[in-house]
All heavy atoms as atom14 arrays in JSON, in Angstrom:
{
  "sequence": "IVFAGGIWKWTGMGVHYEKTFCTTFPALHVCHETGIRHVFATMWGDDG",
  "atom14_mask": [
    [1, 1, 1, 1, 1, 1, 1, 1, 0, 0, 0, 0, 0, 0],
    [1, 1, 1, 1, 1, 1, 1, 0, 0, 0, 0, 0, 0, 0],
    [1, 1, 1, 1, 1, 1, 1, 1, 1, 1, 1, 0, 0, 0],
    [1, 1, 1, 1, 1, 0, 0, 0, 0, 0, 0, 0, 0, 0],
    [1, 1, 1, 1, 0, 0, 0, 0, 0, 0, 0, 0, 0, 0],
    [1, 1, 1, 1, 0, 0, 0, 0, 0, 0, 0, 0, 0, 0],
    [1, 1, 1, 1, 1, 1, 1, 1, 0, 0, 0, 0, 0, 0],
    [1, 1, 1, 1, 1, 1, 1, 1, 1, 1, 1, 1, 1, 1],
    [1, 1, 1, 1, 1, 1, 1, 1, 1, 0, 0, 0, 0, 0],
    [1, 1, 1, 1, 1, 1, 1, 1, 1, 1, 1, 1, 1, 1],
    [1, 1, 1, 1, 1, 1, 1, 0, 0, 0, 0, 0, 0, 0],
    [1, 1, 1, 1, 0, 0, 0, 0, 0, 0, 0, 0, 0, 0],
    [1, 1, 1, 1, 1, 1, 1, 1, 0, 0, 0, 0, 0, 0],
    [1, 1, 1, 1, 0, 0, 0, 0, 0, 0, 0, 0, 0, 0],
    [1, 1, 1, 1, 1, 1, 1, 0, 0, 0, 0, 0, 0, 0],
    [1, 1, 1, 1, 1, 1, 1, 1, 1, 1, 0, 0, 0, 0],
    [1, 1, 1, 1, 1, 1, 1, 1, 1, 1, 1, 1, 0, 0],
    [1, 1, 1, 1, 1, 1, 1, 1, 1, 0, 0, 0, 0, 0],
    [1, 1, 1, 1, 1, 1, 1, 1, 1, 0, 0, 0, 0, 0],
    [1, 1, 1, 1, 1, 1, 1, 0, 0, 0, 0, 0, 0, 0],
    [1, 1, 1, 1, 1, 1, 1, 1, 1, 1, 1, 0, 0, 0],
    [1, 1, 1, 1, 1, 1, 0, 0, 0, 0, 0, 0, 0, 0],
    [1, 1, 1, 1, 1, 1, 1, 0, 0, 0, 0, 0, 0, 0],
    [1, 1, 1, 1, 1, 1, 1, 0, 0, 0, 0, 0, 0, 0],
    [1, 1, 1, 1, 1, 1, 1, 1, 1, 1, 1, 0, 0, 0],
    [1, 1, 1, 1, 1, 1, 1, 0, 0, 0, 0, 0, 0, 0],
    [1, 1, 1, 1, 1, 0, 0, 0, 0, 0, 0, 0, 0, 0],
    [1, 1, 1, 1, 1, 1, 1, 1, 0, 0, 0, 0, 0, 0],
    [1, 1, 1, 1, 1, 1, 1, 1, 1, 1, 0, 0, 0, 0],
    [1, 1, 1, 1, 1, 1, 1, 0, 0, 0, 0, 0, 0, 0],
    [1, 1, 1, 1, 1, 1, 0, 0, 0, 0, 0, 0, 0, 0],
    [1, 1, 1, 1, 1, 1, 1, 1, 1, 1, 0, 0, 0, 0],
    [1, 1, 1, 1, 1, 1, 1, 1, 1, 0, 0, 0, 0, 0],
    [1, 1, 1, 1, 1, 1, 1, 0, 0, 0, 0, 0, 0, 0],
    [1, 1, 1, 1, 0, 0, 0, 0, 0, 0, 0, 0, 0, 0],
    [1, 1, 1, 1, 1, 1, 1, 1, 0, 0, 0, 0, 0, 0],
    [1, 1, 1, 1, 1, 1, 1, 1, 1, 1, 1, 0, 0, 0],
    [1, 1, 1, 1, 1, 1, 1, 1, 1, 1, 0, 0, 0, 0],
    [1, 1, 1, 1, 1, 1, 1, 0, 0, 0, 0, 0, 0, 0],
    [1, 1, 1, 1, 1, 1, 1, 1, 1, 1, 1, 0, 0, 0],
    [1, 1, 1, 1, 1, 0, 0, 0, 0, 0, 0, 0, 0, 0],
    [1, 1, 1, 1, 1, 1, 1, 0, 0, 0, 0, 0, 0, 0],
    [1, 1, 1, 1, 1, 1, 1, 1, 0, 0, 0, 0, 0, 0],
    [1, 1, 1, 1, 1, 1, 1, 1, 1, 1, 1, 1, 1, 1],
    [1, 1, 1, 1, 0, 0, 0, 0, 0, 0, 0, 0, 0, 0],
    [1, 1, 1, 1, 1, 1, 1, 1, 0, 0, 0, 0, 0, 0],
    [1, 1, 1, 1, 1, 1, 1, 1, 0, 0, 0, 0, 0, 0],
    [1, 1, 1, 1, 0, 0, 0, 0, 0, 0, 0, 0, 0, 0]
  ],
  "atom14_positions": [
    [[89.15, 97.56, 111.43], [89.64, 96.34, 110.81], [89.19, 96.3, 109.35], [88.01, 96.49, 109.04], [89.11, 95.09, 111.54], [89.42, 95.16, 113.04], [89.7, 93.82, 110.91], [90.88, 95.31, 113.37], [0.0, 0.0, 0.0], [0.0, 0.0, 0.0], [0.0, 0.0, 0.0], [0.0, 0.0, 0.0], [0.0, 0.0, 0.0], [0.0, 0.0, 0.0]],
    [[90.13, 96.08, 108.46], [89.86, 95.87, 107.04], [90.15, 94.4, 106.75], [91.14, 93.86, 107.23], [90.77, 96.76, 106.17], [90.52, 96.52, 104.68], [90.56, 98.24, 106.52], [0.0, 0.0, 0.0], [0.0, 0.0, 0.0], [0.0, 0.0, 0.0], [0.0, 0.0, 0.0], [0.0, 0.0, 0.0], [0.0, 0.0, 0.0], [0.0, 0.0, 0.0]],
    [[89.27, 93.76, 105.98], [89.51, 92.35, 105.66], [90.01, 92.2, 104.22], [89.46, 92.8, 103.3], [88.26, 91.5, 105.83], [88.49, 90.05, 105.47], [89.2, 89.23, 106.34], [88.09, 89.54, 104.25], [89.48, 87.91, 106.0], [88.34, 88.22, 103.9], [89.04, 87.4, 104.79], [0.0, 0.0, 0.0], [0.0, 0.0, 0.0], [0.0, 0.0, 0.0]],
    [[91.05, 91.39, 104.05], [91.59, 91.09, 102.72], [91.52, 89.59, 102.49], [92.2, 88.82, 103.16], [93.03, 91.58, 102.6], [0.0, 0.0, 0.0], [0.0, 0.0, 0.0], [0.0, 0.0, 0.0], [0.0, 0.0, 0.0], [0.0, 0.0, 0.0], [0.0, 0.0, 0.0], [0.0, 0.0, 0.0], [0.0, 0.0, 0.0], [0.0, 0.0, 0.0]],
    [[90.68, 89.19, 101.55], [90.63, 87.8, 101.12], [91.5, 87.61, 99.9], [92.37, 88.43, 99.6], [0.0, 0.0, 0.0], [0.0, 0.0, 0.0], [0.0, 0.0, 0.0], [0.0, 0.0, 0.0], [0.0, 0.0, 0.0], [0.0, 0.0, 0.0], [0.0, 0.0, 0.0], [0.0, 0.0, 0.0], [0.0, 0.0, 0.0], [0.0, 0.0, 0.0]],
    [[91.24, 86.54, 99.15], [92.1, 86.3, 97.99], [91.41, 85.59, 96.85], [90.57, 84.71, 97.07], [0.0, 0.0, 0.0], [0.0, 0.0, 0.0], [0.0, 0.0, 0.0], [0.0, 0.0, 0.0], [0.0, 0.0, 0.0], [0.0, 0.0, 0.0], [0.0, 0.0, 0.0], [0.0, 0.0, 0.0], [0.0, 0.0, 0.0], [0.0, 0.0, 0.0]],
    [[91.73, 86.0, 95.64], [91.38, 85.26, 94.43], [92.66, 84.55, 94.03], [93.64, 85.18, 93.64], [90.87, 86.19, 93.32], [89.62, 86.95, 93.81], [90.54, 85.39, 92.05], [89.14, 88.04, 92.85], [0.0, 0.0, 0.0], [0.0, 0.0, 0.0], [0.0, 0.0, 0.0], [0.0, 0.0, 0.0], [0.0, 0.0, 0.0], [0.0, 0.0, 0.0]],
    [[92.67, 83.23, 94.14], [93.9, 82.43, 94.11], [94.5, 82.34, 92.71], [94.32, 81.34, 92.0], [93.62, 81.04, 94.66], [93.65, 80.98, 96.14], [92.76, 81.56, 97.01], [94.61, 80.29, 96.95], [93.11, 81.28, 98.31], [94.24, 80.5, 98.31], [95.74, 79.52, 96.67], [94.96, 79.97, 99.36], [96.45, 78.99, 97.73], [96.07, 79.22, 99.06]],
    [[95.29, 83.35, 92.33], [95.96, 83.33, 91.03], [97.47, 83.16, 91.17], [98.22, 83.49, 90.27], [95.63, 84.59, 90.22], [96.15, 85.88, 90.82], [95.83, 87.1, 89.95], [96.63, 87.17, 88.68], [98.06, 87.47, 88.89], [0.0, 0.0, 0.0], [0.0, 0.0, 0.0], [0.0, 0.0, 0.0], [0.0, 0.0, 0.0], [0.0, 0.0, 0.0]],
    [[97.9, 82.63, 92.3], [99.35, 82.59, 92.57], [99.9, 81.18, 92.78], [101.0, 81.03, 93.3], [99.68, 83.46, 93.79], [98.98, 83.07, 95.06], [99.38, 82.13, 95.97], [97.76, 83.61, 95.58], [98.48, 82.05, 97.01], [97.49, 82.95, 96.8], [96.88, 84.6, 95.13], [96.36, 83.25, 97.57], [95.77, 84.88, 95.9], [95.52, 84.21, 97.1]],
    [[99.17, 80.16, 92.37], [99.66, 78.81, 92.65], [99.92, 77.98, 91.4], [100.14, 76.78, 91.5], [98.64, 78.04, 93.53], [97.37, 78.03, 92.85], [98.49, 78.7, 94.88], [0.0, 0.0, 0.0], [0.0, 0.0, 0.0], [0.0, 0.0, 0.0], [0.0, 0.0, 0.0], [0.0, 0.0, 0.0], [0.0, 0.0, 0.0], [0.0, 0.0, 0.0]],
    [[99.9, 78.58, 90.24], [100.14, 77.8, 89.03], [99.83, 78.62, 87.8], [99.98, 79.84, 87.8], [0.0, 0.0, 0.0], [0.0, 0.0, 0.0], [0.0, 0.0, 0.0], [0.0, 0.0, 0.0], [0.0, 0.0, 0.0], [0.0, 0.0, 0.0], [0.0, 0.0, 0.0], [0.0, 0.0, 0.0], [0.0, 0.0, 0.0], [0.0, 0.0, 0.0]],
    [[99.35, 77.95, 86.76], [99.1, 78.62, 85.49], [97.65, 79.04, 85.32], [97.26, 79.55, 84.28], [99.5, 77.69, 84.33], [100.96, 77.28, 84.35], [102.11, 78.68, 84.33], [101.84, 79.31, 82.68], [0.0, 0.0, 0.0], [0.0, 0.0, 0.0], [0.0, 0.0, 0.0], [0.0, 0.0, 0.0], [0.0, 0.0, 0.0], [0.0, 0.0, 0.0]],
    [[96.83, 78.79, 86.33], [95.42, 79.17, 86.27], [94.92, 79.53, 87.65], [95.57, 79.26, 88.66], [0.0, 0.0, 0.0], [0.0, 0.0, 0.0], [0.0, 0.0, 0.0], [0.0, 0.0, 0.0], [0.0, 0.0, 0.0], [0.0, 0.0, 0.0], [0.0, 0.0, 0.0], [0.0, 0.0, 0.0], [0.0, 0.0, 0.0], [0.0, 0.0, 0.0]],
    [[93.75, 80.15, 87.71], [93.15, 80.53, 88.99], [92.66, 79.27, 89.69], [91.97, 78.44, 89.1], [91.97, 81.5, 88.79], [91.38, 81.9, 90.13], [92.42, 82.75, 88.03], [0.0, 0.0, 0.0], [0.0, 0.0, 0.0], [0.0, 0.0, 0.0], [0.0, 0.0, 0.0], [0.0, 0.0, 0.0], [0.0, 0.0, 0.0], [0.0, 0.0, 0.0]],
    [[92.98, 79.14, 90.95], [92.52, 78.02, 91.76], [91.14, 78.42, 92.32], [91.02, 78.91, 93.45], [93.51, 77.75, 92.89], [93.29, 76.46, 93.63], [92.07, 75.81, 93.65], [94.13, 75.71, 94.4], [92.17, 74.72, 94.39], [93.42, 74.64, 94.84], [0.0, 0.0, 0.0], [0.0, 0.0, 0.0], [0.0, 0.0, 0.0], [0.0, 0.0, 0.0]],
    [[90.11, 78.18, 91.51], [88.78, 78.66, 91.91], [88.17, 77.85, 93.05], [87.43, 78.39, 93.87], [87.84, 78.7, 90.7], [87.85, 80.04, 90.03], [88.29, 80.21, 88.73], [87.43, 81.18, 90.72], [88.31, 81.45, 88.13], [87.43, 82.43, 90.14], [87.87, 82.56, 88.84], [87.9, 83.81, 88.26], [0.0, 0.0, 0.0], [0.0, 0.0, 0.0]],
    [[88.46, 76.58, 93.12], [87.91, 75.79, 94.22], [88.37, 76.38, 95.56], [87.56, 76.55, 96.49], [88.34, 74.34, 94.1], [87.76, 73.45, 95.19], [88.18, 72.0, 95.07], [88.97, 71.67, 94.14], [87.74, 71.19, 95.89], [0.0, 0.0, 0.0], [0.0, 0.0, 0.0], [0.0, 0.0, 0.0], [0.0, 0.0, 0.0], [0.0, 0.0, 0.0]],
    [[89.66, 76.7, 95.66], [90.18, 77.3, 96.89], [89.6, 78.7, 97.1], [89.27, 79.1, 98.23], [91.71, 77.37, 96.82], [92.38, 77.79, 98.11], [92.27, 76.73, 99.19], [93.12, 77.07, 100.4], [92.97, 76.07, 101.47], [0.0, 0.0, 0.0], [0.0, 0.0, 0.0], [0.0, 0.0, 0.0], [0.0, 0.0, 0.0], [0.0, 0.0, 0.0]],
    [[89.48, 79.46, 96.03], [88.9, 80.81, 96.12], [87.5, 80.76, 96.71], [87.17, 81.51, 97.63], [88.86, 81.46, 94.73], [90.19, 81.6, 94.23], [88.21, 82.84, 94.79], [0.0, 0.0, 0.0], [0.0, 0.0, 0.0], [0.0, 0.0, 0.0], [0.0, 0.0, 0.0], [0.0, 0.0, 0.0], [0.0, 0.0, 0.0], [0.0, 0.0, 0.0]],
    [[86.67, 79.86, 96.19], [85.28, 79.8, 96.64], [85.17, 79.29, 98.08], [84.44, 79.86, 98.89], [84.46, 78.89, 95.72], [84.38, 79.38, 94.31], [84.3, 78.48, 93.25], [84.38, 80.73, 94.02], [84.23, 78.92, 91.94], [84.31, 81.19, 92.71], [84.24, 80.28, 91.67], [0.0, 0.0, 0.0], [0.0, 0.0, 0.0], [0.0, 0.0, 0.0]],
    [[85.9, 78.22, 98.4], [85.71, 77.6, 99.72], [86.26, 78.47, 100.84], [85.9, 78.29, 102.01], [86.31, 76.2, 99.76], [88.1, 76.13, 99.86], [0.0, 0.0, 0.0], [0.0, 0.0, 0.0], [0.0, 0.0, 0.0], [0.0, 0.0, 0.0], [0.0, 0.0, 0.0], [0.0, 0.0, 0.0], [0.0, 0.0, 0.0], [0.0, 0.0, 0.0]],
    [[87.13, 79.44, 100.53], [87.62, 80.37, 101.55], [86.83, 81.68, 101.57], [86.63, 82.27, 102.63], [89.11, 80.69, 101.34], [89.3, 81.24, 100.02], [89.97, 79.45, 101.5], [0.0, 0.0, 0.0], [0.0, 0.0, 0.0], [0.0, 0.0, 0.0], [0.0, 0.0, 0.0], [0.0, 0.0, 0.0], [0.0, 0.0, 0.0], [0.0, 0.0, 0.0]],
    [[86.39, 82.13, 100.41], [85.73, 83.44, 100.33], [84.34, 83.43, 100.94], [83.97, 84.36, 101.67], [85.64, 83.91, 98.87], [86.97, 84.05, 98.34], [84.93, 85.25, 98.76], [0.0, 0.0, 0.0], [0.0, 0.0, 0.0], [0.0, 0.0, 0.0], [0.0, 0.0, 0.0], [0.0, 0.0, 0.0], [0.0, 0.0, 0.0], [0.0, 0.0, 0.0]],
    [[83.55, 82.39, 100.68], [82.18, 82.36, 101.21], [82.14, 82.47, 102.73], [81.47, 83.36, 103.27], [81.45, 81.11, 100.72], [80.8, 81.28, 99.38], [81.45, 80.87, 98.23], [79.56, 81.88, 99.26], [80.88, 81.03, 96.98], [78.97, 82.05, 98.02], [79.62, 81.63, 96.87], [0.0, 0.0, 0.0], [0.0, 0.0, 0.0], [0.0, 0.0, 0.0]],
    [[82.87, 81.63, 103.48], [82.82, 81.78, 104.94], [83.43, 83.1, 105.41], [82.92, 83.72, 106.36], [83.61, 80.58, 105.46], [84.45, 80.12, 104.32], [83.67, 80.44, 103.09], [0.0, 0.0, 0.0], [0.0, 0.0, 0.0], [0.0, 0.0, 0.0], [0.0, 0.0, 0.0], [0.0, 0.0, 0.0], [0.0, 0.0, 0.0], [0.0, 0.0, 0.0]],
    [[84.48, 83.55, 104.75], [85.14, 84.79, 105.18], [84.21, 85.99, 105.06], [84.07, 86.79, 106.0], [86.4, 85.02, 104.35], [0.0, 0.0, 0.0], [0.0, 0.0, 0.0], [0.0, 0.0, 0.0], [0.0, 0.0, 0.0], [0.0, 0.0, 0.0], [0.0, 0.0, 0.0], [0.0, 0.0, 0.0], [0.0, 0.0, 0.0], [0.0, 0.0, 0.0]],
    [[83.54, 86.11, 103.92], [82.71, 87.3, 103.71], [81.4, 87.22, 104.48], [80.85, 88.25, 104.89], [82.48, 87.53, 102.22], [83.76, 87.83, 101.41], [83.42, 88.28, 100.0], [84.63, 88.87, 102.09], [0.0, 0.0, 0.0], [0.0, 0.0, 0.0], [0.0, 0.0, 0.0], [0.0, 0.0, 0.0], [0.0, 0.0, 0.0], [0.0, 0.0, 0.0]],
    [[80.9, 86.02, 104.7], [79.74, 85.9, 105.59], [80.11, 86.4, 106.99], [79.32, 87.13, 107.62], [79.28, 84.44, 105.66], [78.39, 84.02, 104.52], [77.18, 84.63, 104.25], [78.54, 83.06, 103.58], [76.61, 84.07, 103.2], [77.42, 83.11, 102.76], [0.0, 0.0, 0.0], [0.0, 0.0, 0.0], [0.0, 0.0, 0.0], [0.0, 0.0, 0.0]],
    [[81.28, 86.03, 107.48], [81.72, 86.47, 108.81], [81.97, 87.98, 108.83], [81.68, 88.65, 109.83], [82.96, 85.68, 109.27], [83.56, 86.29, 110.54], [82.59, 84.22, 109.51], [0.0, 0.0, 0.0], [0.0, 0.0, 0.0], [0.0, 0.0, 0.0], [0.0, 0.0, 0.0], [0.0, 0.0, 0.0], [0.0, 0.0, 0.0], [0.0, 0.0, 0.0]],
    [[82.47, 88.53, 107.73], [82.66, 89.99, 107.66], [81.33, 90.71, 107.87], [81.24, 91.68, 108.64], [83.26, 90.38, 106.31], [85.02, 90.05, 106.17], [0.0, 0.0, 0.0], [0.0, 0.0, 0.0], [0.0, 0.0, 0.0], [0.0, 0.0, 0.0], [0.0, 0.0, 0.0], [0.0, 0.0, 0.0], [0.0, 0.0, 0.0], [0.0, 0.0, 0.0]],
    [[80.29, 90.26, 107.18], [78.97, 90.86, 107.38], [78.48, 90.66, 108.81], [77.94, 91.58, 109.43], [77.97, 90.26, 106.39], [78.12, 90.76, 104.99], [78.1, 92.1, 104.67], [78.28, 90.09, 103.81], [78.25, 92.25, 103.36], [78.36, 91.04, 102.82], [0.0, 0.0, 0.0], [0.0, 0.0, 0.0], [0.0, 0.0, 0.0], [0.0, 0.0, 0.0]],
    [[78.68, 89.49, 109.32], [78.21, 89.13, 110.66], [78.88, 89.97, 111.74], [78.25, 90.34, 112.74], [78.51, 87.64, 110.88], [78.22, 87.08, 112.24], [78.76, 85.65, 112.34], [78.41, 84.81, 111.49], [79.53, 85.39, 113.28], [0.0, 0.0, 0.0], [0.0, 0.0, 0.0], [0.0, 0.0, 0.0], [0.0, 0.0, 0.0], [0.0, 0.0, 0.0]],
    [[80.16, 90.28, 111.57], [80.93, 90.98, 112.61], [81.04, 92.49, 112.37], [81.75, 93.18, 113.1], [82.35, 90.38, 112.72], [82.98, 90.41, 111.42], [82.28, 88.95, 113.21], [0.0, 0.0, 0.0], [0.0, 0.0, 0.0], [0.0, 0.0, 0.0], [0.0, 0.0, 0.0], [0.0, 0.0, 0.0], [0.0, 0.0, 0.0], [0.0, 0.0, 0.0]],
    [[80.36, 93.0, 111.35], [80.32, 94.44, 111.14], [81.53, 95.04, 110.46], [81.76, 96.26, 110.56], [0.0, 0.0, 0.0], [0.0, 0.0, 0.0], [0.0, 0.0, 0.0], [0.0, 0.0, 0.0], [0.0, 0.0, 0.0], [0.0, 0.0, 0.0], [0.0, 0.0, 0.0], [0.0, 0.0, 0.0], [0.0, 0.0, 0.0], [0.0, 0.0, 0.0]],
    [[82.31, 94.23, 109.76], [83.44, 94.77, 108.99], [82.9, 95.66, 107.87], [81.96, 95.29, 107.17], [84.3, 93.63, 108.41], [84.89, 92.79, 109.54], [85.41, 94.17, 107.51], [85.76, 93.55, 110.51], [0.0, 0.0, 0.0], [0.0, 0.0, 0.0], [0.0, 0.0, 0.0], [0.0, 0.0, 0.0], [0.0, 0.0, 0.0], [0.0, 0.0, 0.0]],
    [[83.51, 96.81, 107.67], [82.98, 97.77, 106.69], [83.8, 97.87, 105.41], [83.32, 98.4, 104.41], [82.92, 99.17, 107.34], [82.04, 99.23, 108.58], [81.92, 100.65, 109.08], [83.22, 101.22, 109.42], [83.48, 102.53, 109.51], [82.52, 103.4, 109.24], [84.67, 102.96, 109.84], [0.0, 0.0, 0.0], [0.0, 0.0, 0.0], [0.0, 0.0, 0.0]],
    [[85.04, 97.37, 105.44], [85.93, 97.51, 104.28], [86.54, 96.15, 103.93], [87.13, 95.49, 104.79], [87.04, 98.52, 104.58], [86.53, 99.86, 105.02], [86.03, 100.78, 104.12], [86.43, 100.42, 106.25], [85.65, 101.87, 104.79], [85.88, 101.67, 106.08], [0.0, 0.0, 0.0], [0.0, 0.0, 0.0], [0.0, 0.0, 0.0], [0.0, 0.0, 0.0]],
    [[86.39, 95.75, 102.68], [86.82, 94.44, 102.23], [87.49, 94.56, 100.87], [87.06, 95.36, 100.03], [85.61, 93.48, 102.11], [85.96, 92.22, 101.34], [85.06, 93.12, 103.49], [0.0, 0.0, 0.0], [0.0, 0.0, 0.0], [0.0, 0.0, 0.0], [0.0, 0.0, 0.0], [0.0, 0.0, 0.0], [0.0, 0.0, 0.0], [0.0, 0.0, 0.0]],
    [[88.55, 93.79, 100.64], [89.09, 93.71, 99.28], [89.69, 92.33, 99.05], [90.0, 91.6, 99.98], [90.11, 94.82, 98.99], [91.38, 94.78, 99.8], [92.51, 94.13, 99.31], [91.48, 95.43, 101.02], [93.71, 94.12, 100.04], [92.66, 95.43, 101.75], [93.78, 94.77, 101.25], [0.0, 0.0, 0.0], [0.0, 0.0, 0.0], [0.0, 0.0, 0.0]],
    [[89.83, 92.0, 97.77], [90.42, 90.72, 97.37], [91.83, 90.96, 96.86], [92.05, 91.81, 95.98], [89.58, 90.07, 96.27], [0.0, 0.0, 0.0], [0.0, 0.0, 0.0], [0.0, 0.0, 0.0], [0.0, 0.0, 0.0], [0.0, 0.0, 0.0], [0.0, 0.0, 0.0], [0.0, 0.0, 0.0], [0.0, 0.0, 0.0], [0.0, 0.0, 0.0]],
    [[92.78, 90.24, 97.41], [94.14, 90.28, 96.87], [94.23, 89.35, 95.67], [93.54, 88.34, 95.6], [95.17, 89.84, 97.92], [94.9, 88.49, 98.3], [95.11, 90.72, 99.16], [0.0, 0.0, 0.0], [0.0, 0.0, 0.0], [0.0, 0.0, 0.0], [0.0, 0.0, 0.0], [0.0, 0.0, 0.0], [0.0, 0.0, 0.0], [0.0, 0.0, 0.0]],
    [[95.1, 89.71, 94.72], [95.35, 88.85, 93.56], [96.85, 88.82, 93.34], [97.39, 89.46, 92.45], [94.6, 89.35, 92.32], [93.1, 89.39, 92.52], [92.11, 89.29, 91.01], [92.85, 90.55, 89.99], [0.0, 0.0, 0.0], [0.0, 0.0, 0.0], [0.0, 0.0, 0.0], [0.0, 0.0, 0.0], [0.0, 0.0, 0.0], [0.0, 0.0, 0.0]],
    [[97.54, 88.06, 94.21], [98.99, 88.05, 94.21], [99.55, 87.39, 92.95], [98.93, 86.5, 92.36], [99.52, 87.31, 95.44], [99.13, 87.97, 96.73], [98.25, 87.5, 97.67], [99.58, 89.24, 97.21], [98.14, 88.4, 98.71], [98.94, 89.47, 98.46], [100.46, 90.2, 96.72], [99.16, 90.62, 99.21], [100.69, 91.35, 97.46], [100.04, 91.55, 98.69]],
    [[100.74, 87.83, 92.57], [101.45, 87.23, 91.45], [102.59, 86.34, 91.9], [103.09, 85.52, 91.14], [0.0, 0.0, 0.0], [0.0, 0.0, 0.0], [0.0, 0.0, 0.0], [0.0, 0.0, 0.0], [0.0, 0.0, 0.0], [0.0, 0.0, 0.0], [0.0, 0.0, 0.0], [0.0, 0.0, 0.0], [0.0, 0.0, 0.0], [0.0, 0.0, 0.0]],
    [[103.01, 86.54, 93.15], [104.09, 85.76, 93.75], [105.33, 85.67, 92.86], [106.0, 86.65, 92.66], [103.6, 84.39, 94.19], [102.83, 84.48, 95.51], [102.36, 85.57, 95.84], [102.69, 83.47, 96.2], [0.0, 0.0, 0.0], [0.0, 0.0, 0.0], [0.0, 0.0, 0.0], [0.0, 0.0, 0.0], [0.0, 0.0, 0.0], [0.0, 0.0, 0.0]],
    [[105.61, 84.52, 92.27], [106.92, 84.32, 91.62], [106.99, 84.74, 90.16], [107.96, 84.41, 89.49], [107.34, 82.86, 91.76], [107.49, 82.46, 93.22], [107.97, 83.29, 94.0], [107.1, 81.35, 93.57], [0.0, 0.0, 0.0], [0.0, 0.0, 0.0], [0.0, 0.0, 0.0], [0.0, 0.0, 0.0], [0.0, 0.0, 0.0], [0.0, 0.0, 0.0]],
    [[105.99, 85.42, 89.66], [106.12, 85.84, 88.27], [104.85, 86.23, 87.56], [104.88, 86.63, 86.41], [0.0, 0.0, 0.0], [0.0, 0.0, 0.0], [0.0, 0.0, 0.0], [0.0, 0.0, 0.0], [0.0, 0.0, 0.0], [0.0, 0.0, 0.0], [0.0, 0.0, 0.0], [0.0, 0.0, 0.0], [0.0, 0.0, 0.0], [0.0, 0.0, 0.0]]
  ]
}
């Protein structure tokens, strides 16, 4: 299992850091807890 989180750059004209932080902290803590070995952050562009 590889885990892919996100740095929220796809919802407007700036990075949505509040959403990035509140999702990344629990996700990556659980990755360490469950023995996931490979992790990356997506940075989607979506509509442009």
